[in-house]
Amino acid sequence: MTSDAGVAVGWAAAATFLIEAFAMVWSPARDAAVPTLVPRAELEAANRLSLATTYGATPVLAALVMAGLHGLPRSWTDPVTAALYLNAATFLVSAGVLATGIRELGGRTRVAARPGIRRELGEAWRYVRRTGRCAGWSPASWSPSPGQVP
């Protein structure tokens, strides 16, 4: 631990950035995996359960864990240190479950090939050109018309 507040804030900012960067990759991947793992009839219930555990049970569990750390040595119970270790542990456990426990995501079964990103973007662009508009915008709106100020 450092006594220089600037260094501490810098390290906290760097750690927060890394945590949020990993979360930005993890959260969409988790949400996208649900429809491939749950039958369509149970998809709504699975999404509700995911939201309930993320925003309902997880904060309560975190509070209980922090309360349980009360009697441990100070170096282990520093709130920042404990939060970082707990966050890292949850990412590692989740990655382990995905790699070993779910066959469809672990690469051990054949999943139907999906078109590449170039093909999907090409199809989207052809749609926009063909229809001339897409959700309120069109290629014509990308440049100002003669009467508009750029």
N, C-alpha and C. Protein backbone atom coordinates (compact mmCIF):
# COMPACT_ATOMS: atom_id res chain seq x y z
N MET A 1 0.84 -1.16 0.00
CA MET A 1 0.00 0.00 0.00
C MET A 1 0.90 1.23 0.00
N THR A 2 0.45 2.26 -0.69
CA THR A 2 1.24 3.48 -0.80
C THR A 2 0.56 4.62 -0.04
N SER A 3 1.38 5.56 0.39
CA SER A 3 0.82 6.71 1.10
C SER A 3 0.53 7.86 0.14
N ASP A 4 1.03 7.77 -1.09
CA ASP A 4 0.79 8.79 -2.10
C ASP A 4 -0.61 8.61 -2.69
N ALA A 5 -1.48 9.57 -2.46
CA ALA A 5 -2.87 9.46 -2.92
C ALA A 5 -2.96 9.39 -4.44
N GLY A 6 -2.10 10.11 -5.14
CA GLY A 6 -2.12 10.10 -6.61
C GLY A 6 -1.83 8.73 -7.17
N VAL A 7 -0.85 8.05 -6.58
CA VAL A 7 -0.51 6.70 -7.04
C VAL A 7 -1.66 5.74 -6.75
N ALA A 8 -2.26 5.85 -5.57
CA ALA A 8 -3.38 4.98 -5.22
C ALA A 8 -4.56 5.18 -6.15
N VAL A 9 -4.86 6.44 -6.46
CA VAL A 9 -5.96 6.71 -7.38
C VAL A 9 -5.63 6.20 -8.77
N GLY A 10 -4.39 6.34 -9.19
CA GLY A 10 -3.99 5.82 -10.51
C GLY A 10 -4.15 4.32 -10.61
N TRP A 11 -3.71 3.60 -9.58
CA TRP A 11 -3.85 2.14 -9.58
C TRP A 11 -5.32 1.74 -9.52
N ALA A 12 -6.12 2.47 -8.74
CA ALA A 12 -7.55 2.17 -8.67
C ALA A 12 -8.21 2.40 -10.03
N ALA A 13 -7.81 3.47 -10.71
CA ALA A 13 -8.37 3.74 -12.04
C ALA A 13 -7.97 2.65 -13.03
N ALA A 14 -6.72 2.22 -12.97
CA ALA A 14 -6.26 1.15 -13.88
C ALA A 14 -6.99 -0.16 -13.59
N ALA A 15 -7.15 -0.49 -12.33
CA ALA A 15 -7.86 -1.72 -11.97
C ALA A 15 -9.32 -1.65 -12.39
N THR A 16 -9.95 -0.50 -12.18
CA THR A 16 -11.35 -0.34 -12.58
C THR A 16 -11.49 -0.47 -14.09
N PHE A 17 -10.56 0.13 -14.83
CA PHE A 17 -10.60 0.02 -16.28
C PHE A 17 -10.50 -1.43 -16.73
N LEU A 18 -9.56 -2.18 -16.16
CA LEU A 18 -9.40 -3.59 -16.54
C LEU A 18 -10.64 -4.41 -16.19
N ILE A 19 -11.19 -4.20 -15.02
CA ILE A 19 -12.39 -4.93 -14.61
C ILE A 19 -13.55 -4.63 -15.55
N GLU A 20 -13.74 -3.37 -15.86
CA GLU A 20 -14.84 -2.99 -16.75
C GLU A 20 -14.61 -3.48 -18.17
N ALA A 21 -13.36 -3.49 -18.63
CA ALA A 21 -13.06 -4.00 -19.97
C ALA A 21 -13.40 -5.49 -20.07
N PHE A 22 -13.01 -6.25 -19.06
CA PHE A 22 -13.35 -7.68 -19.07
C PHE A 22 -14.85 -7.88 -18.95
N ALA A 23 -15.52 -7.07 -18.14
CA ALA A 23 -16.97 -7.18 -17.98
C ALA A 23 -17.69 -6.86 -19.27
N MET A 24 -17.16 -5.92 -20.06
CA MET A 24 -17.80 -5.57 -21.32
C MET A 24 -17.72 -6.72 -22.32
N VAL A 25 -16.74 -7.56 -22.20
CA VAL A 25 -16.65 -8.74 -23.05
C VAL A 25 -17.50 -9.86 -22.46
N TRP A 26 -17.45 -10.02 -21.16
CA TRP A 26 -18.12 -11.12 -20.50
C TRP A 26 -19.64 -11.02 -20.55
N SER A 27 -20.20 -9.87 -20.23
CA SER A 27 -21.65 -9.73 -20.12
C SER A 27 -22.39 -10.04 -21.42
N PRO A 28 -21.99 -9.47 -22.56
CA PRO A 28 -22.69 -9.83 -23.80
C PRO A 28 -22.51 -11.30 -24.17
N ALA A 29 -21.34 -11.85 -23.89
CA ALA A 29 -21.12 -13.27 -24.19
C ALA A 29 -22.03 -14.15 -23.34
N ARG A 30 -22.18 -13.81 -22.08
CA ARG A 30 -23.07 -14.56 -21.20
C ARG A 30 -24.51 -14.45 -21.68
N ASP A 31 -24.94 -13.25 -22.00
CA ASP A 31 -26.32 -13.06 -22.45
C ASP A 31 -26.58 -13.75 -23.79
N ALA A 32 -25.61 -13.75 -24.67
CA ALA A 32 -25.77 -14.40 -25.97
C ALA A 32 -25.78 -15.92 -25.86
N ALA A 33 -25.16 -16.46 -24.84
CA ALA A 33 -25.09 -17.91 -24.69
C ALA A 33 -26.40 -18.50 -24.16
N VAL A 34 -27.19 -17.71 -23.46
CA VAL A 34 -28.41 -18.24 -22.84
C VAL A 34 -29.35 -18.88 -23.86
N PRO A 35 -29.66 -18.24 -25.00
CA PRO A 35 -30.59 -18.88 -25.95
C PRO A 35 -30.09 -20.20 -26.53
N THR A 36 -28.77 -20.40 -26.56
CA THR A 36 -28.26 -21.67 -27.08
C THR A 36 -28.28 -22.78 -26.04
N LEU A 37 -28.45 -22.41 -24.78
CA LEU A 37 -28.40 -23.40 -23.71
C LEU A 37 -29.77 -23.76 -23.14
N VAL A 38 -30.76 -22.91 -23.39
CA VAL A 38 -32.08 -23.08 -22.77
C VAL A 38 -33.12 -23.26 -23.88
N PRO A 39 -34.04 -24.20 -23.71
CA PRO A 39 -35.11 -24.33 -24.71
C PRO A 39 -35.91 -23.04 -24.82
N ARG A 40 -36.43 -22.77 -26.01
CA ARG A 40 -37.14 -21.52 -26.27
C ARG A 40 -38.27 -21.28 -25.27
N ALA A 41 -38.98 -22.33 -24.88
CA ALA A 41 -40.10 -22.18 -23.95
C ALA A 41 -39.65 -21.71 -22.56
N GLU A 42 -38.40 -21.95 -22.21
CA GLU A 42 -37.89 -21.58 -20.89
C GLU A 42 -36.97 -20.36 -20.93
N LEU A 43 -36.87 -19.71 -22.09
CA LEU A 43 -35.94 -18.60 -22.25
C LEU A 43 -36.31 -17.41 -21.36
N GLU A 44 -37.59 -17.08 -21.27
CA GLU A 44 -37.99 -15.95 -20.43
C GLU A 44 -37.65 -16.20 -18.97
N ALA A 45 -37.90 -17.41 -18.49
CA ALA A 45 -37.57 -17.75 -17.10
C ALA A 45 -36.06 -17.68 -16.87
N ALA A 46 -35.28 -18.14 -17.84
CA ALA A 46 -33.82 -18.10 -17.71
C ALA A 46 -33.32 -16.66 -17.65
N ASN A 47 -33.89 -15.80 -18.47
CA ASN A 47 -33.49 -14.39 -18.45
C ASN A 47 -33.87 -13.72 -17.13
N ARG A 48 -35.04 -14.06 -16.60
CA ARG A 48 -35.44 -13.51 -15.29
C ARG A 48 -34.50 -13.98 -14.20
N LEU A 49 -34.13 -15.26 -14.23
CA LEU A 49 -33.21 -15.81 -13.24
C LEU A 49 -31.85 -15.12 -13.33
N SER A 50 -31.39 -14.89 -14.54
CA SER A 50 -30.11 -14.21 -14.73
C SER A 50 -30.15 -12.81 -14.14
N LEU A 51 -31.22 -12.07 -14.41
CA LEU A 51 -31.34 -10.72 -13.85
C LEU A 51 -31.47 -10.75 -12.33
N ALA A 52 -32.25 -11.71 -11.81
CA ALA A 52 -32.44 -11.79 -10.36
C ALA A 52 -31.13 -12.10 -9.65
N THR A 53 -30.33 -12.99 -10.21
CA THR A 53 -29.06 -13.32 -9.56
C THR A 53 -28.06 -12.19 -9.71
N THR A 54 -28.07 -11.50 -10.84
CA THR A 54 -27.12 -10.42 -11.06
C THR A 54 -27.43 -9.21 -10.19
N TYR A 55 -28.69 -8.80 -10.16
CA TYR A 55 -29.03 -7.56 -9.47
C TYR A 55 -29.75 -7.77 -8.15
N GLY A 56 -30.15 -8.99 -7.84
CA GLY A 56 -30.87 -9.24 -6.60
C GLY A 56 -30.03 -9.97 -5.58
N ALA A 57 -29.63 -11.19 -5.91
CA ALA A 57 -28.92 -12.03 -4.95
C ALA A 57 -27.45 -11.67 -4.81
N THR A 58 -26.82 -11.25 -5.88
CA THR A 58 -25.38 -11.00 -5.83
C THR A 58 -25.00 -9.90 -4.84
N PRO A 59 -25.68 -8.75 -4.82
CA PRO A 59 -25.31 -7.75 -3.81
C PRO A 59 -25.50 -8.25 -2.37
N VAL A 60 -26.55 -9.01 -2.14
CA VAL A 60 -26.78 -9.56 -0.80
C VAL A 60 -25.66 -10.54 -0.44
N LEU A 61 -25.32 -11.42 -1.37
CA LEU A 61 -24.24 -12.38 -1.14
C LEU A 61 -22.92 -11.64 -0.89
N ALA A 62 -22.67 -10.59 -1.65
CA ALA A 62 -21.43 -9.81 -1.45
C ALA A 62 -21.39 -9.20 -0.05
N ALA A 63 -22.51 -8.69 0.41
CA ALA A 63 -22.56 -8.12 1.76
C ALA A 63 -22.31 -9.18 2.82
N LEU A 64 -22.88 -10.36 2.63
CA LEU A 64 -22.66 -11.46 3.58
C LEU A 64 -21.20 -11.91 3.59
N VAL A 65 -20.59 -11.99 2.42
CA VAL A 65 -19.18 -12.38 2.34
C VAL A 65 -18.32 -11.33 3.04
N MET A 66 -18.59 -10.06 2.79
CA MET A 66 -17.80 -9.01 3.43
C MET A 66 -17.99 -9.04 4.94
N ALA A 67 -19.20 -9.33 5.40
CA ALA A 67 -19.44 -9.44 6.84
C ALA A 67 -18.70 -10.64 7.41
N GLY A 68 -18.61 -11.73 6.65
CA GLY A 68 -17.90 -12.92 7.10
C GLY A 68 -16.40 -12.73 7.18
N LEU A 69 -15.86 -11.76 6.46
CA LEU A 69 -14.43 -11.49 6.47
C LEU A 69 -14.00 -10.65 7.67
N HIS A 70 -14.94 -10.30 8.52
CA HIS A 70 -14.69 -9.36 9.63
C HIS A 70 -13.56 -9.82 10.57
N GLY A 71 -13.45 -11.09 10.87
CA GLY A 71 -12.46 -11.55 11.84
C GLY A 71 -11.10 -11.88 11.25
N LEU A 72 -10.93 -11.78 9.94
CA LEU A 72 -9.67 -12.13 9.30
C LEU A 72 -8.65 -11.01 9.41
N PRO A 73 -7.37 -11.29 9.15
CA PRO A 73 -6.34 -10.25 9.22
C PRO A 73 -6.66 -9.07 8.29
N ARG A 74 -6.22 -7.89 8.68
CA ARG A 74 -6.53 -6.65 7.95
C ARG A 74 -6.08 -6.71 6.50
N SER A 75 -4.94 -7.33 6.20
CA SER A 75 -4.45 -7.38 4.82
C SER A 75 -5.41 -8.15 3.91
N TRP A 76 -6.18 -9.08 4.45
CA TRP A 76 -7.13 -9.85 3.66
C TRP A 76 -8.47 -9.15 3.54
N THR A 77 -8.79 -8.32 4.51
CA THR A 77 -10.13 -7.75 4.57
C THR A 77 -10.21 -6.31 4.08
N ASP A 78 -9.11 -5.77 3.57
CA ASP A 78 -9.17 -4.45 2.98
C ASP A 78 -10.24 -4.50 1.89
N PRO A 79 -11.23 -3.62 1.92
CA PRO A 79 -12.35 -3.71 0.98
C PRO A 79 -11.94 -3.75 -0.49
N VAL A 80 -10.95 -2.96 -0.85
CA VAL A 80 -10.51 -2.94 -2.25
C VAL A 80 -9.86 -4.27 -2.62
N THR A 81 -8.97 -4.75 -1.77
CA THR A 81 -8.30 -6.02 -2.04
C THR A 81 -9.29 -7.17 -2.09
N ALA A 82 -10.19 -7.23 -1.13
CA ALA A 82 -11.18 -8.30 -1.10
C ALA A 82 -12.07 -8.25 -2.34
N ALA A 83 -12.49 -7.06 -2.75
CA ALA A 83 -13.35 -6.94 -3.92
C ALA A 83 -12.63 -7.39 -5.19
N LEU A 84 -11.36 -7.01 -5.33
CA LEU A 84 -10.61 -7.42 -6.52
C LEU A 84 -10.40 -8.93 -6.56
N TYR A 85 -10.05 -9.53 -5.42
CA TYR A 85 -9.87 -10.98 -5.39
C TYR A 85 -11.17 -11.71 -5.65
N LEU A 86 -12.25 -11.23 -5.07
CA LEU A 86 -13.56 -11.87 -5.28
C LEU A 86 -13.99 -11.76 -6.73
N ASN A 87 -13.78 -10.60 -7.33
CA ASN A 87 -14.14 -10.41 -8.73
C ASN A 87 -13.31 -11.32 -9.63
N ALA A 88 -12.01 -11.40 -9.36
CA ALA A 88 -11.15 -12.29 -10.15
C ALA A 88 -11.57 -13.74 -9.99
N ALA A 89 -11.92 -14.13 -8.79
CA ALA A 89 -12.34 -15.52 -8.55
C ALA A 89 -13.63 -15.83 -9.31
N THR A 90 -14.58 -14.90 -9.34
CA THR A 90 -15.82 -15.18 -10.06
C THR A 90 -15.58 -15.31 -11.55
N PHE A 91 -14.69 -14.48 -12.11
CA PHE A 91 -14.37 -14.61 -13.53
C PHE A 91 -13.71 -15.95 -13.81
N LEU A 92 -12.79 -16.38 -12.95
CA LEU A 92 -12.11 -17.65 -13.17
C LEU A 92 -13.07 -18.84 -13.05
N VAL A 93 -13.94 -18.80 -12.05
CA VAL A 93 -14.91 -19.89 -11.90
C VAL A 93 -15.83 -19.94 -13.11
N SER A 94 -16.31 -18.79 -13.55
CA SER A 94 -17.20 -18.76 -14.72
C SER A 94 -16.50 -19.28 -15.96
N ALA A 95 -15.27 -18.87 -16.17
CA ALA A 95 -14.52 -19.36 -17.33
C ALA A 95 -14.31 -20.87 -17.25
N GLY A 96 -14.02 -21.37 -16.06
CA GLY A 96 -13.85 -22.81 -15.89
C GLY A 96 -15.13 -23.58 -16.17
N VAL A 97 -16.25 -23.06 -15.71
CA VAL A 97 -17.53 -23.72 -15.97
C VAL A 97 -17.82 -23.73 -17.45
N LEU A 98 -17.60 -22.61 -18.11
CA LEU A 98 -17.85 -22.54 -19.55
C LEU A 98 -16.92 -23.47 -20.33
N ALA A 99 -15.67 -23.56 -19.91
CA ALA A 99 -14.71 -24.38 -20.65
C ALA A 99 -14.92 -25.88 -20.42
N THR A 100 -15.40 -26.26 -19.25
CA THR A 100 -15.48 -27.69 -18.95
C THR A 100 -16.89 -28.21 -18.75
N GLY A 101 -17.81 -27.37 -18.33
CA GLY A 101 -19.12 -27.87 -17.95
C GLY A 101 -20.20 -27.78 -18.99
N ILE A 102 -20.02 -26.94 -20.00
CA ILE A 102 -21.06 -26.76 -21.00
C ILE A 102 -20.49 -27.21 -22.34
N ARG A 103 -20.97 -28.33 -22.81
CA ARG A 103 -20.39 -28.94 -24.00
C ARG A 103 -20.49 -28.04 -25.23
N GLU A 104 -21.62 -27.36 -25.42
CA GLU A 104 -21.81 -26.55 -26.61
C GLU A 104 -20.84 -25.38 -26.67
N LEU A 105 -20.42 -24.87 -25.51
CA LEU A 105 -19.52 -23.72 -25.49
C LEU A 105 -18.07 -24.12 -25.29
N GLY A 106 -17.82 -25.35 -24.88
CA GLY A 106 -16.46 -25.78 -24.61
C GLY A 106 -15.72 -26.27 -25.84
N GLY A 107 -16.39 -26.32 -27.00
CA GLY A 107 -15.74 -26.74 -28.23
C GLY A 107 -15.66 -28.24 -28.40
N ARG A 108 -16.36 -29.02 -27.56
CA ARG A 108 -16.28 -30.47 -27.66
C ARG A 108 -17.37 -31.06 -28.55
N THR A 109 -18.31 -30.26 -28.99
CA THR A 109 -19.34 -30.74 -29.91
C THR A 109 -19.36 -29.85 -31.13
N ARG A 110 -19.87 -30.40 -32.21
CA ARG A 110 -20.00 -29.63 -33.44
C ARG A 110 -21.24 -28.77 -33.35
N VAL A 111 -21.05 -27.51 -33.59
CA VAL A 111 -22.17 -26.57 -33.65
C VAL A 111 -22.25 -26.09 -35.09
N ALA A 112 -23.45 -25.90 -35.59
CA ALA A 112 -23.62 -25.45 -36.96
C ALA A 112 -22.81 -24.18 -37.21
N ALA A 113 -22.12 -24.16 -38.33
CA ALA A 113 -21.29 -23.01 -38.66
C ALA A 113 -22.17 -21.78 -38.89
N ARG A 114 -21.70 -20.65 -38.40
CA ARG A 114 -22.42 -19.40 -38.57
C ARG A 114 -21.67 -18.57 -39.60
N PRO A 115 -22.38 -17.74 -40.32
CA PRO A 115 -21.68 -16.91 -41.31
C PRO A 115 -20.72 -15.95 -40.63
N GLY A 116 -19.66 -15.63 -41.32
CA GLY A 116 -18.67 -14.73 -40.78
C GLY A 116 -19.19 -13.31 -40.66
N ILE A 117 -18.45 -12.49 -39.95
CA ILE A 117 -18.86 -11.11 -39.72
C ILE A 117 -18.91 -10.34 -41.02
N ARG A 118 -17.99 -10.60 -41.95
CA ARG A 118 -18.01 -9.90 -43.24
C ARG A 118 -19.30 -10.20 -43.99
N ARG A 119 -19.69 -11.45 -44.00
CA ARG A 119 -20.92 -11.83 -44.71
C ARG A 119 -22.14 -11.17 -44.06
N GLU A 120 -22.20 -11.18 -42.74
CA GLU A 120 -23.34 -10.56 -42.05
C GLU A 120 -23.38 -9.06 -42.29
N LEU A 121 -22.23 -8.38 -42.24
CA LEU A 121 -22.20 -6.94 -42.52
C LEU A 121 -22.57 -6.66 -43.96
N GLY A 122 -22.13 -7.52 -44.87
CA GLY A 122 -22.50 -7.35 -46.28
C GLY A 122 -24.00 -7.48 -46.49
N GLU A 123 -24.60 -8.47 -45.83
CA GLU A 123 -26.05 -8.63 -45.94
C GLU A 123 -26.78 -7.43 -45.36
N ALA A 124 -26.29 -6.92 -44.24
CA ALA A 124 -26.91 -5.73 -43.63
C ALA A 124 -26.79 -4.53 -44.56
N TRP A 125 -25.63 -4.34 -45.16
CA TRP A 125 -25.42 -3.21 -46.07
C TRP A 125 -26.31 -3.34 -47.30
N ARG A 126 -26.44 -4.54 -47.86
CA ARG A 126 -27.32 -4.75 -49.02
C ARG A 126 -28.76 -4.43 -48.66
N TYR A 127 -29.17 -4.78 -47.45
CA TYR A 127 -30.53 -4.47 -47.01
C TYR A 127 -30.74 -2.95 -46.94
N VAL A 128 -29.77 -2.25 -46.36
CA VAL A 128 -29.90 -0.80 -46.25
C VAL A 128 -29.96 -0.16 -47.64
N ARG A 129 -29.10 -0.61 -48.56
CA ARG A 129 -29.12 -0.05 -49.92
C ARG A 129 -30.42 -0.38 -50.64
N ARG A 130 -30.92 -1.60 -50.45
CA ARG A 130 -32.14 -2.04 -51.13
C ARG A 130 -33.37 -1.29 -50.63
N THR A 131 -33.48 -1.11 -49.33
CA THR A 131 -34.67 -0.46 -48.78
C THR A 131 -34.54 1.05 -48.75
N GLY A 132 -33.33 1.56 -48.74
CA GLY A 132 -33.14 3.01 -48.70
C GLY A 132 -33.27 3.62 -47.33
N ARG A 133 -33.69 2.82 -46.37
CA ARG A 133 -33.79 3.33 -45.02
C ARG A 133 -33.72 2.16 -44.05
N CYS A 134 -33.30 2.47 -42.86
CA CYS A 134 -33.22 1.44 -41.83
C CYS A 134 -33.36 2.13 -40.49
N ALA A 135 -34.48 1.94 -39.86
CA ALA A 135 -34.76 2.51 -38.53
C ALA A 135 -34.55 4.02 -38.49
N GLY A 136 -34.98 4.72 -39.55
CA GLY A 136 -34.96 6.17 -39.51
C GLY A 136 -33.72 6.83 -40.09
N TRP A 137 -32.78 6.08 -40.61
CA TRP A 137 -31.63 6.70 -41.23
C TRP A 137 -31.38 6.04 -42.57
N SER A 138 -30.72 6.76 -43.44
CA SER A 138 -30.40 6.22 -44.76
C SER A 138 -29.04 6.75 -45.18
N PRO A 139 -28.43 6.13 -46.19
CA PRO A 139 -27.14 6.65 -46.66
C PRO A 139 -27.23 8.11 -47.09
N ALA A 140 -28.40 8.56 -47.55
CA ALA A 140 -28.56 9.95 -47.94
C ALA A 140 -28.40 10.89 -46.75
N SER A 141 -28.68 10.41 -45.54
CA SER A 141 -28.57 11.28 -44.37
C SER A 141 -27.13 11.41 -43.88
N TRP A 142 -26.21 10.71 -44.48
CA TRP A 142 -24.82 10.78 -44.04
C TRP A 142 -24.11 12.03 -44.53
N SER A 143 -24.61 12.67 -45.59
CA SER A 143 -23.99 13.89 -46.08
C SER A 143 -25.05 14.98 -46.15
N PRO A 144 -24.65 16.21 -45.92
CA PRO A 144 -25.65 17.28 -45.92
C PRO A 144 -26.21 17.53 -47.31
N SER A 145 -27.47 17.88 -47.37
CA SER A 145 -28.07 18.24 -48.65
C SER A 145 -27.66 19.67 -48.98
N PRO A 146 -27.87 20.12 -50.23
CA PRO A 146 -27.40 21.46 -50.60
C PRO A 146 -27.92 22.58 -49.68
N GLY A 147 -29.10 22.42 -49.09
CA GLY A 147 -29.64 23.47 -48.24
C GLY A 147 -29.16 23.41 -46.79
N GLN A 148 -28.42 22.37 -46.42
CA GLN A 148 -27.99 22.20 -45.03
C GLN A 148 -26.58 22.72 -44.83
N VAL A 149 -26.33 23.20 -43.63
CA VAL A 149 -24.97 23.64 -43.28
C VAL A 149 -24.25 22.45 -42.69
N PRO A 150 -23.05 22.13 -43.19
CA PRO A 150 -22.32 20.97 -42.65
C PRO A 150 -21.91 21.13 -41.22
